[in-house]
Amino acid sequence: MLRPVAANSLLLLTVALLFNNLTGRAGPHVLPKSPANHGTGDPLPSARAGVTASDIDAVLEDFDQVSDVRRTDLEAILLQVQLHSDRRRSGQATCAEIMSREVVAIGSEAPLREALDLLRRHHIEALPVTDERARVLGIVTQTDLVVELLADAAGRPVPPPSGHAGPRSGFHPVGARL
């Protein structure tokens, strides 16, 4: 009696592995990699607007049924639905709905090394540059730092931003009227 059970178990396991491999879902399930944390108190951009994990948990509890879809899979599906919906409705969302409120910034007199350290530590690509009253004067980006570093290493002056053709190029001084 043990042989048929073992043979059936082995057959089921083989079919399950084959199914998972053919559908692109390798087992065992691995949790998706979480997005980079910026080291601030702000929630991740995906949690600032739209569906959150706690929303899903609350609905699943209200649903009061066993589901064969894992919460992490459902969360990934709903995030993709939200992104698809946002693309379809583009132009209706506001910046205030998704912006960071706990902003990592740097003073205008800070050394470039400090800016680079902040960019790396918080996994961000741009830093607002502020004056002593925390008013934004402009931004410094990873690209700005690389251009400065390369120009300095070659002993050349830093070139102006390429393609800067005024208001239509996308570059605007802070406080400028568009």
Protein backbone atom coordinates (compact mmCIF):
# COMPACT_ATOMS: atom_id res chain seq x y z
CA MET A 1 0.00 0.00 0.00
CA LEU A 2 2.90 2.36 0.60
CA ARG A 3 4.20 2.06 -2.99
CA PRO A 4 1.07 3.39 -4.75
CA VAL A 5 0.87 6.35 -2.33
CA ALA A 6 4.55 7.17 -2.84
CA ALA A 7 4.23 6.79 -6.62
CA ASN A 8 1.16 9.07 -6.71
CA SER A 9 2.87 11.63 -4.48
CA LEU A 10 5.94 11.63 -6.72
CA LEU A 11 3.73 11.96 -9.82
CA LEU A 12 1.82 14.90 -8.29
CA LEU A 13 5.06 16.62 -7.30
CA THR A 14 6.48 16.15 -10.81
CA VAL A 15 3.32 17.54 -12.44
CA ALA A 16 3.31 20.53 -10.04
CA LEU A 17 6.96 21.36 -10.78
CA LEU A 18 6.36 20.98 -14.52
CA PHE A 19 3.30 23.24 -14.30
CA ASN A 20 5.17 25.89 -12.31
CA ASN A 21 8.09 25.86 -14.73
CA LEU A 22 5.85 26.04 -17.81
CA THR A 23 3.82 28.94 -16.40
CA GLY A 24 6.94 30.83 -15.29
CA ARG A 25 6.13 30.50 -11.61
CA ALA A 26 9.04 28.71 -10.06
CA GLY A 27 8.45 27.22 -6.64
CA PRO A 28 8.79 27.62 -3.81
CA HIS A 29 7.32 31.11 -3.93
CA VAL A 30 9.77 33.85 -3.11
CA LEU A 31 8.70 37.19 -1.73
CA PRO A 32 9.15 40.02 -4.22
CA LYS A 33 12.11 42.31 -3.63
CA SER A 34 10.99 45.36 -1.72
CA PRO A 35 11.67 48.76 -3.28
CA ALA A 36 14.54 50.87 -1.97
CA ASN A 37 13.83 52.66 1.28
CA HIS A 38 14.90 56.29 1.11
CA GLY A 39 15.67 56.44 4.81
CA THR A 40 12.92 58.96 5.61
CA GLY A 41 9.64 58.71 7.49
CA ASP A 42 7.67 59.01 4.24
CA PRO A 43 5.95 55.88 3.03
CA LEU A 44 7.23 54.36 -0.20
CA PRO A 45 5.85 56.00 -3.37
CA SER A 46 3.67 52.96 -4.05
CA ALA A 47 2.00 53.43 -0.65
CA ARG A 48 1.35 57.17 -0.94
CA ALA A 49 -1.57 56.76 -3.30
CA GLY A 50 -3.71 53.80 -4.17
CA VAL A 51 -4.01 50.40 -2.55
CA THR A 52 -1.86 49.44 0.45
CA ALA A 53 -1.10 46.06 2.04
CA SER A 54 -3.32 46.94 5.01
CA ASP A 55 -6.19 47.69 2.59
CA ILE A 56 -5.78 44.23 1.09
CA ASP A 57 -5.62 42.57 4.51
CA ALA A 58 -8.82 44.35 5.61
CA VAL A 59 -10.72 43.31 2.49
CA LEU A 60 -9.48 39.72 2.71
CA GLU A 61 -10.65 39.60 6.33
CA ASP A 62 -14.07 41.00 5.33
CA PHE A 63 -14.22 38.53 2.45
CA ASP A 64 -14.06 35.75 5.05
CA GLN A 65 -13.15 32.98 2.62
CA VAL A 66 -10.04 30.96 1.98
CA SER A 67 -8.26 32.09 -1.18
CA ASP A 68 -5.57 30.25 -3.09
CA VAL A 69 -4.02 33.58 -4.11
CA ARG A 70 -1.33 34.80 -1.73
CA ARG A 71 -1.65 38.33 -0.37
CA THR A 72 1.71 39.31 -1.88
CA ASP A 73 0.53 38.11 -5.32
CA LEU A 74 -2.74 39.99 -4.92
CA GLU A 75 -0.83 43.09 -3.84
CA ALA A 76 1.41 42.89 -6.94
CA ILE A 77 -1.63 42.44 -9.20
CA LEU A 78 -3.46 45.37 -7.63
CA LEU A 79 -0.37 47.57 -7.91
CA GLN A 80 -0.21 46.79 -11.63
CA VAL A 81 -3.94 47.54 -11.91
CA GLN A 82 -3.36 50.87 -10.15
CA LEU A 83 -0.47 51.73 -12.49
CA HIS A 84 -2.55 50.80 -15.53
CA SER A 85 -5.44 52.90 -14.23
CA ASP A 86 -3.13 55.84 -13.51
CA ARG A 87 -1.72 55.70 -17.03
CA ARG A 88 -5.24 55.61 -18.46
CA ARG A 89 -6.35 58.55 -16.31
CA SER A 90 -3.06 60.44 -16.61
CA GLY A 91 -3.39 64.09 -15.91
CA GLN A 92 -6.02 63.66 -13.18
CA ALA A 93 -3.67 62.85 -10.30
CA THR A 94 -1.90 65.70 -8.53
CA CYS A 95 1.68 65.96 -7.38
CA ALA A 96 0.46 66.48 -3.81
CA GLU A 97 -0.98 62.94 -3.79
CA ILE A 98 2.38 61.28 -4.42
CA MET A 99 5.03 63.77 -3.28
CA SER A 100 7.50 63.17 -0.47
CA ARG A 101 6.79 65.29 2.56
CA GLU A 102 9.95 64.47 4.50
CA VAL A 103 12.41 65.80 1.93
CA VAL A 104 16.13 65.08 2.04
CA ALA A 105 17.89 68.34 1.09
CA ILE A 106 21.34 69.89 1.20
CA GLY A 107 22.60 73.40 1.90
CA SER A 108 24.09 75.47 -0.89
CA GLU A 109 27.51 75.63 0.80
CA ALA A 110 27.78 71.88 1.44
CA PRO A 111 30.66 70.01 -0.24
CA LEU A 112 29.87 67.80 -3.22
CA ARG A 113 31.03 64.73 -1.29
CA GLU A 114 28.24 65.30 1.23
CA ALA A 115 25.70 65.53 -1.61
CA LEU A 116 26.99 62.25 -3.05
CA ASP A 117 26.79 60.59 0.38
CA LEU A 118 23.16 61.73 0.80
CA LEU A 119 22.21 60.51 -2.69
CA ARG A 120 23.70 57.09 -1.97
CA ARG A 121 22.42 56.73 1.59
CA HIS A 122 18.82 57.59 0.64
CA HIS A 123 18.82 55.85 -2.78
CA ILE A 124 17.69 58.99 -4.58
CA GLU A 125 18.84 60.66 -7.79
CA ALA A 126 18.35 64.36 -6.99
CA LEU A 127 18.66 66.62 -3.97
CA PRO A 128 16.97 69.98 -3.47
CA VAL A 129 19.55 72.66 -2.64
CA THR A 130 18.25 75.02 0.04
CA ASP A 131 19.28 78.29 1.65
CA GLU A 132 19.50 78.90 5.41
CA ARG A 133 15.70 79.43 5.57
CA ALA A 134 15.03 76.06 3.85
CA ARG A 135 13.87 77.72 0.63
CA VAL A 136 14.66 75.67 -2.45
CA LEU A 137 17.30 77.30 -4.66
CA GLY A 138 17.63 74.46 -7.17
CA ILE A 139 18.62 70.79 -7.33
CA VAL A 140 21.78 68.77 -7.69
CA THR A 141 21.59 65.39 -9.43
CA GLN A 142 23.80 62.35 -9.76
CA THR A 143 24.55 63.47 -13.31
CA ASP A 144 25.66 66.91 -12.08
CA LEU A 145 28.10 65.25 -9.69
CA VAL A 146 29.48 62.89 -12.35
CA VAL A 147 29.97 65.76 -14.84
CA GLU A 148 31.72 67.82 -12.15
CA LEU A 149 33.92 64.90 -11.15
CA LEU A 150 34.92 64.09 -14.74
CA ALA A 151 35.60 67.72 -15.61
CA ASP A 152 37.63 68.17 -12.43
CA ALA A 153 39.62 65.00 -13.10
CA ALA A 154 40.40 66.19 -16.64
CA GLY A 155 41.27 69.70 -15.44
CA ARG A 156 38.55 71.27 -17.64
CA PRO A 157 35.80 73.70 -16.68
CA VAL A 158 32.36 72.19 -16.13
CA PRO A 159 30.26 72.46 -19.30
CA PRO A 160 26.76 73.99 -19.13
CA PRO A 161 23.84 71.54 -19.33
CA SER A 162 23.38 70.31 -22.89
CA GLY A 163 20.10 71.06 -24.59
CA HIS A 164 19.27 73.95 -22.27
CA ALA A 165 17.08 76.02 -24.55
CA GLY A 166 14.93 77.92 -22.08
CA PRO A 167 11.49 77.15 -20.72
CA ARG A 168 10.57 74.56 -23.37
CA SER A 169 13.51 72.28 -22.48
CA GLY A 170 12.14 71.37 -19.05
CA PHE A 171 14.76 73.32 -17.08
CA HIS A 172 13.22 76.09 -14.98
CA PRO A 173 14.83 78.19 -12.29
CA VAL A 174 13.03 77.76 -8.96
CA GLY A 175 10.30 80.40 -8.65
CA ALA A 176 10.26 81.19 -12.38
CA ARG A 177 6.89 81.83 -14.01
CA LEU A 178 6.06 79.34 -16.72
